[in-house]
Amino acid sequence: MEQNNTNTSWIKRYIKIPFILIMAYIVYMSIFSEYSVATRFELDKKIDSLEQEINTYNDTIRHYSILNERISKDPEAMERVVREQYHMNRPNEDVYVFVEEDDK
């Protein structure tokens, strides 16, 4: 009987109601709340994908700003871009656009 009493005495000494409530609150917050570990992981994944998207858009902006600078300084570059992208041509000139078909 004394053996059983000494095994439970440390439980009574260290585990009190406030400790149990605090532990229950921590478990609830880490599993079930809005700030749970799973939600945090999902949000981190979304943040990473959005940062990747931002980097992609920044690269696109950088490309077009360099192209814009080249076009504003070099008339030949402007003519090349206009002909390639907008299929414009000079008078008395025919432009043929070849489109490759994908083999499926």
Protein backbone atom coordinates (compact mmCIF):
# COMPACT_ATOMS: atom_id res chain seq x y z
CA MET A 1 0.00 0.00 0.00
CA GLU A 2 2.85 2.37 0.77
CA GLN A 3 4.31 1.70 -2.67
CA ASN A 4 1.10 2.87 -4.32
CA ASN A 5 0.95 5.94 -2.08
CA THR A 6 4.49 7.04 -3.00
CA ASN A 7 3.77 6.54 -6.72
CA THR A 8 0.77 8.84 -6.61
CA SER A 9 2.22 11.37 -4.17
CA TRP A 10 4.51 12.93 -6.77
CA ILE A 11 1.51 13.21 -9.11
CA LYS A 12 -0.43 15.09 -6.48
CA ARG A 13 2.55 17.29 -5.73
CA TYR A 14 3.46 18.30 -9.30
CA ILE A 15 0.31 17.95 -11.33
CA LYS A 16 -2.23 20.48 -10.13
CA ILE A 17 -5.38 21.82 -11.81
CA PRO A 18 -3.68 24.93 -13.27
CA PHE A 19 -0.97 22.74 -14.82
CA ILE A 20 -3.59 20.48 -16.40
CA LEU A 21 -5.51 23.49 -17.72
CA ILE A 22 -2.36 25.02 -19.19
CA MET A 23 -1.41 21.76 -20.89
CA ALA A 24 -4.96 21.35 -22.25
CA TYR A 25 -4.81 24.91 -23.61
CA ILE A 26 -1.46 24.25 -25.30
CA VAL A 27 -2.75 21.04 -26.87
CA TYR A 28 -5.91 22.80 -28.05
CA MET A 29 -3.95 25.69 -29.56
CA SER A 30 -1.47 23.42 -31.33
CA ILE A 31 -4.06 21.06 -32.83
CA PHE A 32 -7.51 22.61 -33.11
CA SER A 33 -7.19 26.37 -33.22
CA GLU A 34 -6.72 28.82 -36.08
CA TYR A 35 -2.98 28.86 -35.34
CA SER A 36 -2.50 25.08 -35.35
CA VAL A 37 0.58 23.37 -36.69
CA ALA A 38 -1.24 22.08 -39.79
CA THR A 39 -2.65 25.51 -40.59
CA ARG A 40 0.76 27.06 -40.08
CA PHE A 41 2.30 24.52 -42.48
CA GLU A 42 -0.34 25.24 -45.14
CA LEU A 43 0.16 28.98 -44.78
CA ASP A 44 3.94 28.58 -45.07
CA LYS A 45 3.47 26.60 -48.30
CA LYS A 46 1.18 29.30 -49.66
CA ILE A 47 3.67 32.00 -48.72
CA ASP A 48 6.44 30.12 -50.54
CA SER A 49 4.34 29.76 -53.68
CA LEU A 50 3.38 33.45 -53.59
CA GLU A 51 7.03 34.46 -53.16
CA GLN A 52 7.90 32.31 -56.17
CA GLU A 53 5.14 34.04 -58.14
CA ILE A 54 6.47 37.44 -57.08
CA ASN A 55 9.96 36.46 -58.29
CA THR A 56 8.51 35.36 -61.62
CA TYR A 57 6.68 38.67 -62.04
CA ASN A 58 9.78 40.62 -61.06
CA ASP A 59 11.78 38.77 -63.73
CA THR A 60 9.08 39.56 -66.29
CA ILE A 61 9.08 43.23 -65.30
CA ARG A 62 12.88 43.32 -65.54
CA HIS A 63 12.75 41.75 -69.02
CA TYR A 64 10.19 44.24 -70.30
CA SER A 65 11.94 47.24 -68.79
CA ILE A 66 15.18 46.22 -70.55
CA LEU A 67 13.23 45.71 -73.79
CA ASN A 68 11.54 49.09 -73.35
CA GLU A 69 14.90 50.77 -72.83
CA ARG A 70 16.33 49.09 -75.94
CA ILE A 71 13.30 50.06 -78.01
CA SER A 72 13.44 53.69 -76.94
CA LYS A 73 17.14 53.99 -77.87
CA ASP A 74 17.40 51.84 -81.00
CA PRO A 75 14.92 52.24 -83.91
CA GLU A 76 16.06 48.96 -85.46
CA ALA A 77 15.21 47.11 -82.27
CA MET A 78 11.79 48.76 -82.26
CA GLU A 79 11.18 47.68 -85.86
CA ARG A 80 12.24 44.12 -85.06
CA VAL A 81 9.91 43.90 -82.05
CA VAL A 82 6.98 45.39 -83.95
CA ARG A 83 7.49 43.02 -86.88
CA GLU A 84 7.90 39.91 -84.70
CA GLN A 85 5.28 40.53 -82.06
CA TYR A 86 2.58 42.44 -83.92
CA HIS A 87 3.11 41.02 -87.43
CA MET A 88 3.33 44.46 -88.97
CA ASN A 89 4.88 44.91 -92.38
CA ARG A 90 6.08 47.58 -94.73
CA PRO A 91 4.00 48.66 -97.72
CA ASN A 92 4.25 46.22 -100.64
CA GLU A 93 5.62 43.51 -98.36
CA ASP A 94 4.06 40.16 -97.55
CA VAL A 95 4.67 38.52 -94.19
CA TYR A 96 4.23 34.80 -93.72
CA VAL A 97 3.95 33.35 -90.25
CA PHE A 98 4.82 29.68 -89.89
CA VAL A 99 3.33 27.86 -86.93
CA GLU A 100 4.76 24.49 -85.98
CA GLU A 101 2.23 21.81 -85.14
CA ASP A 102 2.80 19.72 -82.04
CA ASP A 103 2.79 15.96 -82.61
CA LYS A 104 0.31 14.44 -80.22
